[in-house]
N, C-alpha and C. Protein backbone atom coordinates (compact mmCIF):
# COMPACT_ATOMS: atom_id res chain seq x y z
N MET A 1 -9.12 -8.85 -24.69
CA MET A 1 -8.66 -10.09 -24.11
C MET A 1 -7.41 -9.85 -23.25
N ALA A 2 -6.45 -9.13 -23.79
CA ALA A 2 -5.21 -8.87 -23.04
C ALA A 2 -5.50 -8.07 -21.78
N ALA A 3 -6.42 -7.11 -21.86
CA ALA A 3 -6.75 -6.30 -20.69
C ALA A 3 -7.40 -7.16 -19.61
N ALA A 4 -8.27 -8.08 -20.01
CA ALA A 4 -8.91 -8.98 -19.05
C ALA A 4 -7.88 -9.90 -18.42
N LEU A 5 -6.97 -10.41 -19.23
CA LEU A 5 -5.91 -11.29 -18.73
C LEU A 5 -5.01 -10.54 -17.76
N LEU A 6 -4.70 -9.30 -18.08
CA LEU A 6 -3.87 -8.49 -17.20
C LEU A 6 -4.59 -8.20 -15.88
N ALA A 7 -5.89 -7.94 -15.93
CA ALA A 7 -6.66 -7.68 -14.72
C ALA A 7 -6.68 -8.90 -13.81
N VAL A 8 -6.86 -10.08 -14.41
CA VAL A 8 -6.85 -11.32 -13.62
C VAL A 8 -5.46 -11.56 -13.05
N SER A 9 -4.43 -11.34 -13.85
CA SER A 9 -3.05 -11.52 -13.37
C SER A 9 -2.75 -10.61 -12.20
N THR A 10 -3.22 -9.37 -12.27
CA THR A 10 -2.99 -8.42 -11.19
C THR A 10 -3.66 -8.89 -9.91
N ALA A 11 -4.89 -9.36 -10.02
CA ALA A 11 -5.63 -9.84 -8.85
C ALA A 11 -4.95 -11.06 -8.25
N VAL A 12 -4.55 -12.00 -9.10
CA VAL A 12 -3.89 -13.21 -8.62
C VAL A 12 -2.55 -12.86 -7.99
N HIS A 13 -1.81 -11.96 -8.62
CA HIS A 13 -0.51 -11.57 -8.08
C HIS A 13 -0.66 -10.98 -6.68
N SER A 14 -1.63 -10.11 -6.50
CA SER A 14 -1.84 -9.48 -5.21
C SER A 14 -2.18 -10.52 -4.15
N GLU A 15 -2.91 -11.54 -4.57
CA GLU A 15 -3.30 -12.59 -3.64
C GLU A 15 -2.11 -13.49 -3.30
N LEU A 16 -1.31 -13.84 -4.30
CA LEU A 16 -0.18 -14.75 -4.08
C LEU A 16 1.03 -14.06 -3.48
N TYR A 17 1.23 -12.79 -3.82
CA TYR A 17 2.42 -12.07 -3.39
C TYR A 17 2.03 -10.75 -2.72
N PRO A 18 1.38 -10.80 -1.56
CA PRO A 18 0.90 -9.57 -0.96
C PRO A 18 2.02 -8.62 -0.55
N PHE A 19 3.23 -9.11 -0.40
CA PHE A 19 4.34 -8.26 0.02
C PHE A 19 5.35 -8.05 -1.09
N GLY A 20 4.96 -8.21 -2.31
CA GLY A 20 5.83 -7.92 -3.44
C GLY A 20 6.19 -9.16 -4.24
N GLY A 21 6.81 -10.14 -3.67
CA GLY A 21 7.08 -11.41 -4.31
C GLY A 21 8.04 -11.38 -5.47
N GLY A 22 8.52 -10.22 -5.91
CA GLY A 22 9.52 -10.17 -6.95
C GLY A 22 9.00 -10.15 -8.37
N VAL A 23 7.73 -10.45 -8.59
CA VAL A 23 7.17 -10.43 -9.93
C VAL A 23 5.93 -9.57 -9.91
N THR A 24 5.88 -8.59 -10.76
CA THR A 24 4.66 -7.79 -10.86
C THR A 24 3.93 -8.18 -12.12
N SER A 25 2.70 -7.80 -12.22
CA SER A 25 1.89 -8.26 -13.34
C SER A 25 1.71 -7.19 -14.42
N THR A 26 2.51 -6.13 -14.39
CA THR A 26 2.46 -5.17 -15.48
C THR A 26 3.57 -5.50 -16.46
N GLY A 27 3.23 -5.55 -17.70
CA GLY A 27 4.23 -5.87 -18.72
C GLY A 27 3.66 -5.62 -20.09
N ASN A 28 4.49 -5.79 -21.08
CA ASN A 28 4.12 -5.57 -22.47
C ASN A 28 3.80 -6.90 -23.13
N VAL A 29 2.57 -7.06 -23.60
CA VAL A 29 2.11 -8.33 -24.17
C VAL A 29 2.92 -8.70 -25.41
N ASN A 30 3.20 -7.74 -26.29
CA ASN A 30 3.94 -8.03 -27.52
C ASN A 30 5.37 -8.49 -27.22
N ARG A 31 6.05 -7.77 -26.32
CA ARG A 31 7.41 -8.20 -25.93
C ARG A 31 7.37 -9.55 -25.25
N GLY A 32 6.32 -9.78 -24.46
CA GLY A 32 6.17 -11.07 -23.79
C GLY A 32 6.03 -12.22 -24.77
N ALA A 33 5.24 -12.01 -25.82
CA ALA A 33 5.08 -13.05 -26.84
C ALA A 33 6.40 -13.33 -27.53
N THR A 34 7.17 -12.28 -27.80
CA THR A 34 8.47 -12.46 -28.44
C THR A 34 9.44 -13.20 -27.53
N THR A 35 9.50 -12.79 -26.27
CA THR A 35 10.38 -13.47 -25.31
C THR A 35 9.97 -14.92 -25.15
N TRP A 36 8.67 -15.15 -25.07
CA TRP A 36 8.12 -16.51 -24.93
C TRP A 36 8.57 -17.39 -26.09
N SER A 37 8.42 -16.90 -27.31
CA SER A 37 8.76 -17.73 -28.46
C SER A 37 10.26 -17.84 -28.68
N ASN A 38 11.03 -16.78 -28.40
CA ASN A 38 12.47 -16.81 -28.64
C ASN A 38 13.26 -17.47 -27.51
N ASN A 39 12.87 -17.23 -26.29
CA ASN A 39 13.66 -17.70 -25.16
C ASN A 39 13.20 -19.08 -24.67
N CYS A 40 11.93 -19.23 -24.42
CA CYS A 40 11.43 -20.46 -23.82
C CYS A 40 11.57 -21.65 -24.77
N ALA A 41 11.50 -21.38 -26.06
CA ALA A 41 11.58 -22.46 -27.05
C ALA A 41 12.97 -23.07 -27.15
N ARG A 42 13.97 -22.42 -26.56
CA ARG A 42 15.31 -22.99 -26.60
C ARG A 42 15.39 -24.30 -25.83
N CYS A 43 14.60 -24.42 -24.77
CA CYS A 43 14.66 -25.62 -23.92
C CYS A 43 13.35 -26.40 -23.88
N HIS A 44 12.26 -25.77 -24.26
CA HIS A 44 10.94 -26.40 -24.13
C HIS A 44 10.21 -26.36 -25.46
N GLU A 45 9.30 -27.34 -25.62
CA GLU A 45 8.30 -27.18 -26.66
C GLU A 45 7.38 -26.09 -26.16
N LEU A 46 6.98 -25.20 -27.03
CA LEU A 46 6.12 -24.10 -26.59
C LEU A 46 4.76 -24.65 -26.17
N ARG A 47 4.37 -24.29 -24.98
CA ARG A 47 3.06 -24.70 -24.46
C ARG A 47 2.05 -23.61 -24.77
N SER A 48 0.81 -24.01 -24.83
CA SER A 48 -0.25 -23.03 -25.01
C SER A 48 -0.37 -22.20 -23.74
N PRO A 49 -0.53 -20.89 -23.87
CA PRO A 49 -0.72 -20.07 -22.67
C PRO A 49 -1.92 -20.50 -21.84
N THR A 50 -2.87 -21.18 -22.47
CA THR A 50 -4.06 -21.62 -21.73
C THR A 50 -3.87 -22.99 -21.07
N GLU A 51 -2.69 -23.58 -21.22
CA GLU A 51 -2.45 -24.89 -20.63
C GLU A 51 -2.50 -24.85 -19.10
N PHE A 52 -2.07 -23.73 -18.51
CA PHE A 52 -2.12 -23.54 -17.07
C PHE A 52 -2.91 -22.30 -16.74
N ARG A 53 -3.48 -22.28 -15.53
CA ARG A 53 -4.16 -21.09 -15.03
C ARG A 53 -3.11 -20.05 -14.65
N ASP A 54 -3.55 -18.79 -14.52
CA ASP A 54 -2.64 -17.71 -14.14
C ASP A 54 -1.93 -18.00 -12.82
N ASP A 55 -2.66 -18.58 -11.86
CA ASP A 55 -2.04 -18.84 -10.56
C ASP A 55 -0.99 -19.93 -10.62
N ILE A 56 -0.95 -20.70 -11.69
CA ILE A 56 0.10 -21.71 -11.90
C ILE A 56 1.27 -21.10 -12.68
N TRP A 57 0.97 -20.25 -13.66
CA TRP A 57 2.03 -19.63 -14.46
C TRP A 57 2.94 -18.76 -13.60
N LYS A 58 2.40 -18.08 -12.60
CA LYS A 58 3.22 -17.18 -11.77
C LYS A 58 4.40 -17.89 -11.13
N PRO A 59 4.20 -18.99 -10.38
CA PRO A 59 5.37 -19.65 -9.79
C PRO A 59 6.27 -20.29 -10.86
N ILE A 60 5.68 -20.74 -11.96
CA ILE A 60 6.50 -21.29 -13.04
C ILE A 60 7.44 -20.21 -13.56
N MET A 61 6.90 -19.03 -13.82
CA MET A 61 7.73 -17.95 -14.36
C MET A 61 8.73 -17.43 -13.32
N THR A 62 8.36 -17.43 -12.05
CA THR A 62 9.31 -17.02 -11.02
C THR A 62 10.49 -17.98 -11.01
N HIS A 63 10.21 -19.27 -11.11
CA HIS A 63 11.26 -20.29 -11.17
C HIS A 63 12.10 -20.14 -12.44
N MET A 64 11.43 -19.97 -13.57
CA MET A 64 12.15 -19.90 -14.83
C MET A 64 12.91 -18.58 -14.98
N ARG A 65 12.49 -17.55 -14.27
CA ARG A 65 13.26 -16.31 -14.29
C ARG A 65 14.68 -16.58 -13.82
N ILE A 66 14.80 -17.37 -12.78
CA ILE A 66 16.11 -17.71 -12.23
C ILE A 66 16.83 -18.70 -13.15
N ARG A 67 16.15 -19.76 -13.54
CA ARG A 67 16.78 -20.81 -14.35
C ARG A 67 17.21 -20.32 -15.73
N ALA A 68 16.40 -19.47 -16.34
CA ALA A 68 16.68 -19.02 -17.71
C ALA A 68 17.41 -17.68 -17.75
N GLY A 69 17.63 -17.08 -16.59
CA GLY A 69 18.32 -15.81 -16.56
C GLY A 69 17.49 -14.67 -17.15
N LEU A 70 16.18 -14.73 -16.97
CA LEU A 70 15.33 -13.67 -17.48
C LEU A 70 15.42 -12.45 -16.57
N THR A 71 15.29 -11.30 -17.15
CA THR A 71 15.23 -10.08 -16.35
C THR A 71 13.83 -9.96 -15.75
N GLY A 72 13.69 -9.07 -14.79
CA GLY A 72 12.37 -8.81 -14.22
C GLY A 72 11.40 -8.31 -15.27
N GLY A 73 11.89 -7.44 -16.17
CA GLY A 73 11.05 -6.92 -17.24
C GLY A 73 10.59 -8.00 -18.19
N GLN A 74 11.50 -8.90 -18.55
CA GLN A 74 11.12 -10.00 -19.44
C GLN A 74 10.07 -10.89 -18.76
N THR A 75 10.25 -11.15 -17.49
CA THR A 75 9.31 -11.98 -16.76
C THR A 75 7.93 -11.32 -16.71
N ARG A 76 7.88 -10.03 -16.42
CA ARG A 76 6.62 -9.29 -16.41
C ARG A 76 5.97 -9.32 -17.79
N ASP A 77 6.78 -9.17 -18.83
CA ASP A 77 6.22 -9.19 -20.20
C ASP A 77 5.64 -10.56 -20.54
N VAL A 78 6.35 -11.62 -20.19
CA VAL A 78 5.84 -12.96 -20.48
C VAL A 78 4.55 -13.21 -19.70
N LEU A 79 4.51 -12.81 -18.43
CA LEU A 79 3.28 -12.97 -17.65
C LEU A 79 2.12 -12.17 -18.25
N ALA A 80 2.40 -10.99 -18.77
CA ALA A 80 1.36 -10.20 -19.42
C ALA A 80 0.85 -10.95 -20.65
N PHE A 81 1.74 -11.56 -21.40
CA PHE A 81 1.35 -12.35 -22.56
C PHE A 81 0.53 -13.56 -22.15
N LEU A 82 0.98 -14.28 -21.13
CA LEU A 82 0.28 -15.47 -20.69
C LEU A 82 -1.08 -15.12 -20.12
């Protein structure tokens, strides 16, 4: 499941950010789940990863990287989890 999700994320990322875009789709799923539950829950009720499509999560995470002060690695990990 995670490999399929990562493959879709990579394809969507390439389509949305053909020149880099600041977020890559390689990350650690386990660290992403931890960051998701520890960091995002401080301000939000945790949403289901399936609530949005991958192409919607990417701009959300790009925005939240800035707002929440996430590192690039944390952002990549959360996207891998999602």
